[in-house]
Amino acid sequence: MKNDRVYKILFASVYPMYIQKAEKKGRTKEEVDTVILWLTGYSESQFKDQIEKKSDLQTFFDEAPKLNPNASKITGMICGYRIEEIEDPLMRKIRYMDKLVDELAKGKKMEKILRE
């Protein structure tokens, strides 16, 4: 994985793709927001600020208030990698977010996605 290149991707450029992926499967933007806010600990206004200031993925996660303590329960394969085996902490957080949106698009119930 070329991690440095991934870290420089703007969250504001990835976010619409997450929404599009979810909406294609009958889910909503609000549900995408819910899973991202759950993971990162951002408030809605903090989240909007990150989008408006065009934070890259590294900044987006570095400035996140607190990674959800249940994030470590997110396991499985994403993009050909087993999440729990990803050693780089930032890449693991990015893949957590990818996996949550993926589960949403696959129709999983919100309670299961949020590891409740």
C-alpha atoms as a PDB file:
ATOM      1  CA  MET A   1       0.000   0.000   0.000  1.00  0.00           C
ATOM      2  CA  LYS A   2       1.247   3.458  -0.873  1.00  0.00           C
ATOM      3  CA  ASN A   3       0.106   4.908   2.431  1.00  0.00           C
ATOM      4  CA  ASP A   4       1.494   8.422   1.982  1.00  0.00           C
ATOM      5  CA  ARG A   5      -0.538   8.942  -1.183  1.00  0.00           C
ATOM      6  CA  VAL A   6      -3.693   7.660   0.516  1.00  0.00           C
ATOM      7  CA  TYR A   7      -3.171   9.960   3.512  1.00  0.00           C
ATOM      8  CA  LYS A   8      -3.099  13.022   1.245  1.00  0.00           C
ATOM      9  CA  ILE A   9      -6.477  12.269  -0.353  1.00  0.00           C
ATOM     10  CA  LEU A  10      -9.004  14.917   0.625  1.00  0.00           C
ATOM     11  CA  PHE A  11     -11.806  13.637   2.807  1.00  0.00           C
ATOM     12  CA  ALA A  12     -14.135  15.993   0.899  1.00  0.00           C
ATOM     13  CA  SER A  13     -13.359  14.052  -2.294  1.00  0.00           C
ATOM     14  CA  VAL A  14     -13.999  10.616  -0.724  1.00  0.00           C
ATOM     15  CA  TYR A  15     -17.141  11.583   1.174  1.00  0.00           C
ATOM     16  CA  PRO A  16     -19.410  12.036  -1.911  1.00  0.00           C
ATOM     17  CA  MET A  17     -18.339   8.579  -3.102  1.00  0.00           C
ATOM     18  CA  TYR A  18     -19.379   7.090   0.240  1.00  0.00           C
ATOM     19  CA  ILE A  19     -22.766   8.779  -0.071  1.00  0.00           C
ATOM     20  CA  GLN A  20     -23.175   7.631  -3.666  1.00  0.00           C
ATOM     21  CA  LYS A  21     -22.297   4.047  -2.756  1.00  0.00           C
ATOM     22  CA  ALA A  22     -24.826   4.009   0.084  1.00  0.00           C
ATOM     23  CA  GLU A  23     -27.610   5.734  -1.872  1.00  0.00           C
ATOM     24  CA  LYS A  24     -27.260   3.246  -4.744  1.00  0.00           C
ATOM     25  CA  LYS A  25     -28.231   0.577  -2.234  1.00  0.00           C
ATOM     26  CA  GLY A  26     -31.155   2.499  -0.747  1.00  0.00           C
ATOM     27  CA  ARG A  27     -29.344   3.990   2.239  1.00  0.00           C
ATOM     28  CA  THR A  28     -29.114   7.701   3.058  1.00  0.00           C
ATOM     29  CA  LYS A  29     -26.521  10.451   3.467  1.00  0.00           C
ATOM     30  CA  GLU A  30     -27.667  10.742   7.076  1.00  0.00           C
ATOM     31  CA  GLU A  31     -26.791   7.086   7.677  1.00  0.00           C
ATOM     32  CA  VAL A  32     -23.337   7.620   6.156  1.00  0.00           C
ATOM     33  CA  ASP A  33     -22.881  10.612   8.471  1.00  0.00           C
ATOM     34  CA  THR A  34     -24.022   8.542  11.457  1.00  0.00           C
ATOM     35  CA  VAL A  35     -21.408   5.829  10.913  1.00  0.00           C
ATOM     36  CA  ILE A  36     -18.596   8.329  10.288  1.00  0.00           C
ATOM     37  CA  LEU A  37     -19.510  10.420  13.349  1.00  0.00           C
ATOM     38  CA  TRP A  38     -19.762   7.231  15.422  1.00  0.00           C
ATOM     39  CA  LEU A  39     -16.260   6.209  14.349  1.00  0.00           C
ATOM     40  CA  THR A  40     -14.533   9.584  14.729  1.00  0.00           C
ATOM     41  CA  GLY A  41     -16.359  11.295  17.584  1.00  0.00           C
ATOM     42  CA  TYR A  42     -16.914  14.447  15.532  1.00  0.00           C
ATOM     43  CA  SER A  43     -19.986  16.560  16.219  1.00  0.00           C
ATOM     44  CA  GLU A  44     -22.012  17.518  13.140  1.00  0.00           C
ATOM     45  CA  SER A  45     -20.514  21.022  13.100  1.00  0.00           C
ATOM     46  CA  GLN A  46     -16.944  19.722  13.527  1.00  0.00           C
ATOM     47  CA  PHE A  47     -17.587  17.233  10.727  1.00  0.00           C
ATOM     48  CA  LYS A  48     -18.845  19.973   8.388  1.00  0.00           C
ATOM     49  CA  ASP A  49     -15.791  22.085   9.257  1.00  0.00           C
ATOM     50  CA  GLN A  50     -13.490  19.228   8.196  1.00  0.00           C
ATOM     51  CA  ILE A  51     -15.269  19.015   4.849  1.00  0.00           C
ATOM     52  CA  GLU A  52     -15.254  22.781   4.307  1.00  0.00           C
ATOM     53  CA  LYS A  53     -11.566  23.175   5.098  1.00  0.00           C
ATOM     54  CA  LYS A  54     -10.771  20.284   2.750  1.00  0.00           C
ATOM     55  CA  SER A  55      -8.807  18.208   5.252  1.00  0.00           C
ATOM     56  CA  ASP A  56      -6.823  15.307   3.900  1.00  0.00           C
ATOM     57  CA  LEU A  57      -7.464  11.880   5.446  1.00  0.00           C
ATOM     58  CA  GLN A  58      -4.475  12.184   7.764  1.00  0.00           C
ATOM     59  CA  THR A  59      -5.686  15.523   9.157  1.00  0.00           C
ATOM     60  CA  PHE A  60      -9.276  14.254   9.297  1.00  0.00           C
ATOM     61  CA  PHE A  61      -8.268  11.416  11.619  1.00  0.00           C
ATOM     62  CA  ASP A  62      -5.546  13.349  13.491  1.00  0.00           C
ATOM     63  CA  GLU A  63      -8.122  15.984  14.461  1.00  0.00           C
ATOM     64  CA  ALA A  64     -10.902  13.503  15.247  1.00  0.00           C
ATOM     65  CA  PRO A  65     -11.994  13.989  18.864  1.00  0.00           C
ATOM     66  CA  LYS A  66     -11.852  10.305  19.783  1.00  0.00           C
ATOM     67  CA  LEU A  67     -11.932   7.056  17.879  1.00  0.00           C
ATOM     68  CA  ASN A  68     -14.895   5.024  19.087  1.00  0.00           C
ATOM     69  CA  PRO A  69     -13.731   2.419  21.617  1.00  0.00           C
ATOM     70  CA  ASN A  70     -15.756  -0.237  19.750  1.00  0.00           C
ATOM     71  CA  ALA A  71     -13.874   0.447  16.497  1.00  0.00           C
ATOM     72  CA  SER A  72     -11.570  -2.477  17.275  1.00  0.00           C
ATOM     73  CA  LYS A  73     -14.614  -4.739  16.814  1.00  0.00           C
ATOM     74  CA  ILE A  74     -14.616  -3.830  13.107  1.00  0.00           C
ATOM     75  CA  THR A  75     -13.043  -6.852  11.439  1.00  0.00           C
ATOM     76  CA  GLY A  76     -13.042  -8.581   8.093  1.00  0.00           C
ATOM     77  CA  MET A  77     -11.738  -7.916   4.617  1.00  0.00           C
ATOM     78  CA  ILE A  78     -11.713  -4.573   2.842  1.00  0.00           C
ATOM     79  CA  CYS A  79      -9.838  -3.815  -0.370  1.00  0.00           C
ATOM     80  CA  GLY A  80      -8.115  -7.188  -0.137  1.00  0.00           C
ATOM     81  CA  TYR A  81      -6.725  -6.624   3.348  1.00  0.00           C
ATOM     82  CA  ARG A  82      -7.824  -8.077   6.679  1.00  0.00           C
ATOM     83  CA  ILE A  83      -8.525  -4.986   8.811  1.00  0.00           C
ATOM     84  CA  GLU A  84      -7.333  -6.468  12.079  1.00  0.00           C
ATOM     85  CA  GLU A  85      -3.940  -7.247  10.485  1.00  0.00           C
ATOM     86  CA  ILE A  86      -3.244  -3.711   9.246  1.00  0.00           C
ATOM     87  CA  GLU A  87      -0.324  -2.508  11.349  1.00  0.00           C
ATOM     88  CA  ASP A  88      -0.363   1.185  10.427  1.00  0.00           C
ATOM     89  CA  PRO A  89      -2.836   2.858  12.846  1.00  0.00           C
ATOM     90  CA  LEU A  90      -3.917   5.578  10.401  1.00  0.00           C
ATOM     91  CA  MET A  91      -4.480   3.132   7.548  1.00  0.00           C
ATOM     92  CA  ARG A  92      -6.492   0.925   9.909  1.00  0.00           C
ATOM     93  CA  LYS A  93      -8.746   3.911  10.781  1.00  0.00           C
ATOM     94  CA  ILE A  94      -9.260   4.688   7.095  1.00  0.00           C
ATOM     95  CA  ARG A  95     -10.173   1.057   6.430  1.00  0.00           C
ATOM     96  CA  TYR A  96     -12.541   1.075   9.423  1.00  0.00           C
ATOM     97  CA  MET A  97     -14.393   3.932   7.751  1.00  0.00           C
ATOM     98  CA  ASP A  98     -14.410   2.111   4.402  1.00  0.00           C
ATOM     99  CA  LYS A  99     -15.754  -1.030   6.075  1.00  0.00           C
ATOM    100  CA  LEU A 100     -18.559   0.821   7.898  1.00  0.00           C
ATOM    101  CA  VAL A 101     -19.777   2.397   4.653  1.00  0.00           C
ATOM    102  CA  ASP A 102     -19.452  -0.970   2.921  1.00  0.00           C
ATOM    103  CA  GLU A 103     -21.584  -2.658   5.588  1.00  0.00           C
ATOM    104  CA  LEU A 104     -24.148   0.114   5.293  1.00  0.00           C
ATOM    105  CA  ALA A 105     -24.322  -0.357   1.520  1.00  0.00           C
ATOM    106  CA  LYS A 106     -24.702  -4.114   1.980  1.00  0.00           C
ATOM    107  CA  GLY A 107     -27.863  -3.542   4.001  1.00  0.00           C
ATOM    108  CA  LYS A 108     -26.636  -4.418   7.473  1.00  0.00           C
ATOM    109  CA  LYS A 109     -28.754  -3.129  10.341  1.00  0.00           C
ATOM    110  CA  MET A 110     -27.440   0.056  11.944  1.00  0.00           C
ATOM    111  CA  GLU A 111     -27.179  -1.626  15.390  1.00  0.00           C
ATOM    112  CA  LYS A 112     -24.795  -4.227  13.933  1.00  0.00           C
ATOM    113  CA  ILE A 113     -22.768  -1.642  12.013  1.00  0.00           C
ATOM    114  CA  LEU A 114     -22.325   0.438  15.170  1.00  0.00           C
ATOM    115  CA  ARG A 115     -21.319  -2.669  17.135  1.00  0.00           C
ATOM    116  CA  GLU A 116     -24.046  -2.179  19.745  1.00  0.00           C
END
